[in-house]
PDB file of N, CA and C in Angstrom:
ATOM      1  N   MET A   1       0.859  -1.112  -0.110  1.00  0.00           N
ATOM      2  CA  MET A   1       0.425   0.706   0.074  1.00  0.00           C
ATOM      3  C   MET A   1       0.902   1.736  -0.212  1.00  0.00           C
ATOM      4  N   PRO A   2       1.285   1.675  -1.071  1.00  0.00           N
ATOM      5  CA  PRO A   2       1.667   3.181  -1.167  1.00  0.00           C
ATOM      6  C   PRO A   2       1.167   4.441  -0.021  1.00  0.00           C
ATOM      7  N   ILE A   3       2.131   5.203   0.281  1.00  0.00           N
ATOM      8  CA  ILE A   3       1.692   5.847   1.244  1.00  0.00           C
ATOM      9  C   ILE A   3       2.778   7.412   1.448  1.00  0.00           C
ATOM     10  N   VAL A   4       1.600   8.479   0.379  1.00  0.00           N
ATOM     11  CA  VAL A   4       2.918   9.574   0.261  1.00  0.00           C
ATOM     12  C   VAL A   4       2.082  10.310   1.669  1.00  0.00           C
ATOM     13  N   THR A   5       3.654  11.417   2.400  1.00  0.00           N
ATOM     14  CA  THR A   5       3.173  12.333   2.928  1.00  0.00           C
ATOM     15  C   THR A   5       3.600  13.551   2.015  1.00  0.00           C
ATOM     16  N   ILE A   6       2.828  14.520   1.857  1.00  0.00           N
ATOM     17  CA  ILE A   6       3.063  15.730   1.113  1.00  0.00           C
ATOM     18  C   ILE A   6       2.675  17.466   2.515  1.00  0.00           C
ATOM     19  N   GLN A   7       3.932  18.003   2.803  1.00  0.00           N
ATOM     20  CA  GLN A   7       3.973  18.741   3.373  1.00  0.00           C
ATOM     21  C   GLN A   7       3.922  19.823   2.190  1.00  0.00           C
ATOM     22  N   LEU A   8       2.806  21.032   3.064  1.00  0.00           N
ATOM     23  CA  LEU A   8       2.792  22.592   2.567  1.00  0.00           C
ATOM     24  C   LEU A   8       2.737  23.750   3.391  1.00  0.00           C
ATOM     25  N   ILE A   9       3.094  24.596   3.225  1.00  0.00           N
ATOM     26  CA  ILE A   9       3.011  26.101   3.966  1.00  0.00           C
ATOM     27  C   ILE A   9       1.317  26.472   3.882  1.00  0.00           C
ATOM     28  N   GLU A  10       0.764  26.115   4.958  1.00  0.00           N
ATOM     29  CA  GLU A  10      -0.889  26.691   4.960  1.00  0.00           C
ATOM     30  C   GLU A  10      -1.056  27.579   3.651  1.00  0.00           C
ATOM     31  N   GLY A  11      -2.426  27.595   3.781  1.00  0.00           N
ATOM     32  CA  GLY A  11      -2.966  28.505   2.751  1.00  0.00           C
ATOM     33  C   GLY A  11      -3.608  28.455   1.036  1.00  0.00           C
ATOM     34  N   ARG A  12      -3.216  27.382   1.024  1.00  0.00           N
ATOM     35  CA  ARG A  12      -3.906  26.818   0.015  1.00  0.00           C
ATOM     36  C   ARG A  12      -5.576  26.536  -0.338  1.00  0.00           C
ATOM     37  N   GLU A  13      -6.110  26.543  -1.079  1.00  0.00           N
ATOM     38  CA  GLU A  13      -7.283  25.939  -1.357  1.00  0.00           C
ATOM     39  C   GLU A  13      -7.381  24.822  -1.001  1.00  0.00           C
ATOM     40  N   GLU A  14      -9.287  24.227  -0.565  1.00  0.00           N
ATOM     41  CA  GLU A  14      -9.475  23.027  -0.088  1.00  0.00           C
ATOM     42  C   GLU A  14      -9.642  22.295  -1.699  1.00  0.00           C
ATOM     43  N   SER A  15     -10.249  23.390  -2.624  1.00  0.00           N
ATOM     44  CA  SER A  15     -10.172  22.632  -4.055  1.00  0.00           C
ATOM     45  C   SER A  15      -8.861  22.398  -4.813  1.00  0.00           C
ATOM     46  N   ASP A  16      -7.487  23.036  -4.189  1.00  0.00           N
ATOM     47  CA  ASP A  16      -6.526  22.780  -4.855  1.00  0.00           C
ATOM     48  C   ASP A  16      -5.730  21.350  -3.879  1.00  0.00           C
ATOM     49  N   ILE A  17      -6.125  21.273  -2.630  1.00  0.00           N
ATOM     50  CA  ILE A  17      -5.201  20.127  -2.208  1.00  0.00           C
ATOM     51  C   ILE A  17      -6.057  18.924  -2.797  1.00  0.00           C
ATOM     52  N   GLU A  18      -7.540  19.156  -3.065  1.00  0.00           N
ATOM     53  CA  GLU A  18      -8.111  17.522  -3.410  1.00  0.00           C
ATOM     54  C   GLU A  18      -7.516  17.392  -5.039  1.00  0.00           C
ATOM     55  N   LYS A  19      -7.396  18.726  -5.880  1.00  0.00           N
ATOM     56  CA  LYS A  19      -7.001  18.507  -6.910  1.00  0.00           C
ATOM     57  C   LYS A  19      -5.757  17.795  -6.855  1.00  0.00           C
ATOM     58  N   LEU A  20      -4.490  18.216  -5.715  1.00  0.00           N
ATOM     59  CA  LEU A  20      -3.294  17.226  -5.517  1.00  0.00           C
ATOM     60  C   LEU A  20      -3.346  16.317  -5.553  1.00  0.00           C
ATOM     61  N   MET A  21      -4.105  15.859  -4.333  1.00  0.00           N
ATOM     62  CA  MET A  21      -4.241  14.814  -3.448  1.00  0.00           C
ATOM     63  C   MET A  21      -5.036  13.847  -4.691  1.00  0.00           C
ATOM     64  N   THR A  22      -5.590  14.036  -5.727  1.00  0.00           N
ATOM     65  CA  THR A  22      -6.023  13.252  -6.658  1.00  0.00           C
ATOM     66  C   THR A  22      -5.728  12.882  -7.895  1.00  0.00           C
ATOM     67  N   ALA A  23      -4.243  14.093  -8.003  1.00  0.00           N
ATOM     68  CA  ALA A  23      -3.083  14.126  -9.139  1.00  0.00           C
ATOM     69  C   ALA A  23      -1.976  13.026  -9.307  1.00  0.00           C
ATOM     70  N   VAL A  24      -1.638  13.268  -7.364  1.00  0.00           N
ATOM     71  CA  VAL A  24      -0.810  12.374  -6.994  1.00  0.00           C
ATOM     72  C   VAL A  24      -0.932  10.416  -6.507  1.00  0.00           C
ATOM     73  N   THR A  25      -2.160  10.650  -6.861  1.00  0.00           N
ATOM     74  CA  THR A  25      -3.354   9.130  -6.586  1.00  0.00           C
ATOM     75  C   THR A  25      -2.695   8.267  -8.033  1.00  0.00           C
ATOM     76  N   GLU A  26      -3.636   9.446  -8.807  1.00  0.00           N
ATOM     77  CA  GLU A  26      -2.886   8.937 -10.537  1.00  0.00           C
ATOM     78  C   GLU A  26      -1.926   8.375 -10.915  1.00  0.00           C
ATOM     79  N   THR A  27      -1.104   9.307 -10.650  1.00  0.00           N
ATOM     80  CA  THR A  27       0.312   9.269 -10.836  1.00  0.00           C
ATOM     81  C   THR A  27       0.829   7.954 -10.222  1.00  0.00           C
ATOM     82  N   ILE A  28       0.938   8.177  -8.806  1.00  0.00           N
ATOM     83  CA  ILE A  28       0.815   6.293  -8.394  1.00  0.00           C
ATOM     84  C   ILE A  28       0.836   5.564  -9.079  1.00  0.00           C
ATOM     85  N   SER A  29      -0.577   5.267  -9.261  1.00  0.00           N
ATOM     86  CA  SER A  29      -1.493   4.186  -9.689  1.00  0.00           C
ATOM     87  C   SER A  29      -0.882   3.987 -11.517  1.00  0.00           C
ATOM     88  N   GLN A  30      -0.802   4.986 -12.022  1.00  0.00           N
ATOM     89  CA  GLN A  30      -0.215   4.927 -13.089  1.00  0.00           C
ATOM     90  C   GLN A  30       1.676   4.340 -12.775  1.00  0.00           C
ATOM     91  N   SER A  31       2.215   4.964 -12.603  1.00  0.00           N
ATOM     92  CA  SER A  31       3.478   4.194 -12.018  1.00  0.00           C
ATOM     93  C   SER A  31       3.824   3.163 -11.669  1.00  0.00           C
ATOM     94  N   ILE A  32       2.851   3.167 -10.801  1.00  0.00           N
ATOM     95  CA  ILE A  32       3.609   1.109 -10.363  1.00  0.00           C
ATOM     96  C   ILE A  32       2.849   0.009 -10.295  1.00  0.00           C
ATOM     97  N   SER A  33       1.386   0.454 -11.282  1.00  0.00           N
ATOM     98  CA  SER A  33       0.434  -0.356 -11.314  1.00  0.00           C
ATOM     99  C   SER A  33      -0.616  -0.467  -9.797  1.00  0.00           C
ATOM    100  N   ALA A  34      -0.779   0.730  -8.786  1.00  0.00           N
ATOM    101  CA  ALA A  34      -1.045   0.028  -8.153  1.00  0.00           C
ATOM    102  C   ALA A  34      -2.594   0.379  -8.093  1.00  0.00           C
ATOM    103  N   PRO A  35      -3.107  -0.858  -7.588  1.00  0.00           N
ATOM    104  CA  PRO A  35      -4.786   0.205  -7.139  1.00  0.00           C
ATOM    105  C   PRO A  35      -5.281   1.492  -6.484  1.00  0.00           C
ATOM    106  N   LYS A  36      -6.051   2.571  -7.118  1.00  0.00           N
ATOM    107  CA  LYS A  36      -5.962   3.831  -6.497  1.00  0.00           C
ATOM    108  C   LYS A  36      -6.604   3.423  -4.962  1.00  0.00           C
ATOM    109  N   GLU A  37      -7.924   2.817  -4.544  1.00  0.00           N
ATOM    110  CA  GLU A  37      -8.340   2.494  -3.592  1.00  0.00           C
ATOM    111  C   GLU A  37      -7.340   1.832  -2.393  1.00  0.00           C
ATOM    112  N   ASN A  38      -5.837   1.418  -2.862  1.00  0.00           N
ATOM    113  CA  ASN A  38      -5.099   1.233  -2.319  1.00  0.00           C
ATOM    114  C   ASN A  38      -3.950   2.653  -1.861  1.00  0.00           C
ATOM    115  N   ILE A  39      -4.386   3.635  -2.290  1.00  0.00           N
ATOM    116  CA  ILE A  39      -2.893   4.637  -2.374  1.00  0.00           C
ATOM    117  C   ILE A  39      -3.547   4.929  -0.813  1.00  0.00           C
ATOM    118  N   ARG A  40      -2.737   6.138  -0.298  1.00  0.00           N
ATOM    119  CA  ARG A  40      -3.223   6.522   0.570  1.00  0.00           C
ATOM    120  C   ARG A  40      -2.068   8.246   0.636  1.00  0.00           C
ATOM    121  N   VAL A  41      -2.741   9.595   0.658  1.00  0.00           N
ATOM    122  CA  VAL A  41      -1.982  10.495   0.204  1.00  0.00           C
ATOM    123  C   VAL A  41      -2.656  11.509   1.680  1.00  0.00           C
ATOM    124  N   ILE A  42      -1.323  12.097   2.471  1.00  0.00           N
ATOM    125  CA  ILE A  42      -1.572  12.976   3.534  1.00  0.00           C
ATOM    126  C   ILE A  42      -1.161  14.047   3.323  1.00  0.00           C
ATOM    127  N   ILE A  43      -1.702  15.119   3.143  1.00  0.00           N
ATOM    128  CA  ILE A  43      -1.094  16.806   3.093  1.00  0.00           C
ATOM    129  C   ILE A  43      -1.021  17.196   4.466  1.00  0.00           C
ATOM    130  N   GLN A  44       0.071  17.655   5.070  1.00  0.00           N
ATOM    131  CA  GLN A  44       0.473  17.913   6.475  1.00  0.00           C
ATOM    132  C   GLN A  44       0.388  19.662   5.907  1.00  0.00           C
ATOM    133  N   GLU A  45      -0.146  20.185   6.895  1.00  0.00           N
ATOM    134  CA  GLU A  45       0.100  22.059   6.360  1.00  0.00           C
ATOM    135  C   GLU A  45       0.912  22.626   7.645  1.00  0.00           C
ATOM    136  N   THR A  46       1.176  23.293   7.260  1.00  0.00           N
ATOM    137  CA  THR A  46       2.138  23.538   8.961  1.00  0.00           C
ATOM    138  C   THR A  46       2.055  25.222   8.588  1.00  0.00           C
ATOM    139  N   PRO A  47       1.753  25.637   9.733  1.00  0.00           N
ATOM    140  CA  PRO A  47       1.925  27.776   9.824  1.00  0.00           C
ATOM    141  C   PRO A  47       2.853  28.105   8.973  1.00  0.00           C
ATOM    142  N   LYS A  48       2.914  29.414   8.967  1.00  0.00           N
ATOM    143  CA  LYS A  48       3.831  29.987   7.839  1.00  0.00           C
ATOM    144  C   LYS A  48       4.501  30.613   9.122  1.00  0.00           C
ATOM    145  N   THR A  49       4.362  30.951  10.368  1.00  0.00           N
ATOM    146  CA  THR A  49       5.052  30.950  11.802  1.00  0.00           C
ATOM    147  C   THR A  49       6.147  29.783  11.753  1.00  0.00           C
ATOM    148  N   HIS A  50       5.707  28.626  11.418  1.00  0.00           N
ATOM    149  CA  HIS A  50       6.260  27.201  12.183  1.00  0.00           C
ATOM    150  C   HIS A  50       7.595  26.823  11.147  1.00  0.00           C
ATOM    151  N   TRP A  51       7.743  27.527   9.930  1.00  0.00           N
ATOM    152  CA  TRP A  51       8.460  27.154   8.676  1.00  0.00           C
ATOM    153  C   TRP A  51       9.633  28.460   8.394  1.00  0.00           C
ATOM    154  N   SER A  52      10.369  27.853   8.176  1.00  0.00           N
ATOM    155  CA  SER A  52      11.426  28.634   7.901  1.00  0.00           C
ATOM    156  C   SER A  52      12.693  28.581   6.855  1.00  0.00           C
ATOM    157  N   ILE A  53      13.086  29.786   6.267  1.00  0.00           N
ATOM    158  CA  ILE A  53      14.034  29.735   5.650  1.00  0.00           C
ATOM    159  C   ILE A  53      15.327  30.213   6.415  1.00  0.00           C
ATOM    160  N   GLY A  54      16.420  29.728   6.400  1.00  0.00           N
ATOM    161  CA  GLY A  54      17.867  30.549   6.478  1.00  0.00           C
ATOM    162  C   GLY A  54      17.950  31.523   7.936  1.00  0.00           C
ATOM    163  N   GLY A  55      16.596  30.927   9.158  1.00  0.00           N
ATOM    164  CA  GLY A  55      16.074  30.933  10.402  1.00  0.00           C
ATOM    165  C   GLY A  55      15.188  32.403  10.641  1.00  0.00           C
ATOM    166  N   GLU A  56      14.939  32.498   9.296  1.00  0.00           N
ATOM    167  CA  GLU A  56      13.635  33.430   9.588  1.00  0.00           C
ATOM    168  C   GLU A  56      12.490  32.777   8.941  1.00  0.00           C
ATOM    169  N   SER A  57      11.480  33.463   9.358  1.00  0.00           N
ATOM    170  CA  SER A  57      10.064  32.649   9.000  1.00  0.00           C
ATOM    171  C   SER A  57       9.245  33.102   7.875  1.00  0.00           C
ATOM    172  N   ILE A  58       8.570  31.995   7.720  1.00  0.00           N
ATOM    173  CA  ILE A  58       7.995  31.865   6.017  1.00  0.00           C
ATOM    174  C   ILE A  58       6.935  33.478   6.189  1.00  0.00           C
ATOM    175  N   GLN A  59       6.205  33.818   7.470  1.00  0.00           N
ATOM    176  CA  GLN A  59       5.594  34.918   7.690  1.00  0.00           C
ATOM    177  C   GLN A  59       6.847  35.995   7.371  1.00  0.00           C
ATOM    178  N   LYS A  60       7.554  35.795   8.116  1.00  0.00           N
ATOM    179  CA  LYS A  60       8.769  37.416   7.953  1.00  0.00           C
ATOM    180  C   LYS A  60       8.765  37.839   6.913  1.00  0.00           C
ATOM    181  N   LEU A  61       9.245  36.588   5.765  1.00  0.00           N
ATOM    182  CA  LEU A  61       9.966  36.409   4.569  1.00  0.00           C
ATOM    183  C   LEU A  61       8.979  37.004   3.922  1.00  0.00           C
ATOM    184  N   ARG A  62       7.824  36.911   3.503  1.00  0.00           N
ATOM    185  CA  ARG A  62       6.992  37.112   2.865  1.00  0.00           C
ATOM    186  C   ARG A  62       5.754  38.682   3.220  1.00  0.00           C
ATOM    187  N   GLY A  63       5.809  38.628   4.288  1.00  0.00           N
ATOM    188  CA  GLY A  63       5.111  39.790   4.655  1.00  0.00           C
ATOM    189  C   GLY A  63       3.366  39.480   5.254  1.00  0.00           C
TER     190      GLY A  63
END
């Protein structure tokens, strides 16, 4: 059973998350001939204040 975890910075539309999960599922299914019902996709959204680049939070960097 393929399990995929994707980490994103918070703030995307639910519809975009749905599209991503569908596209990832389709790609995995086609790539390794896995049945879609056996594929798990986990989206983890992280607050901008808890993700940093170069020691600065994304919130500070992007305003």
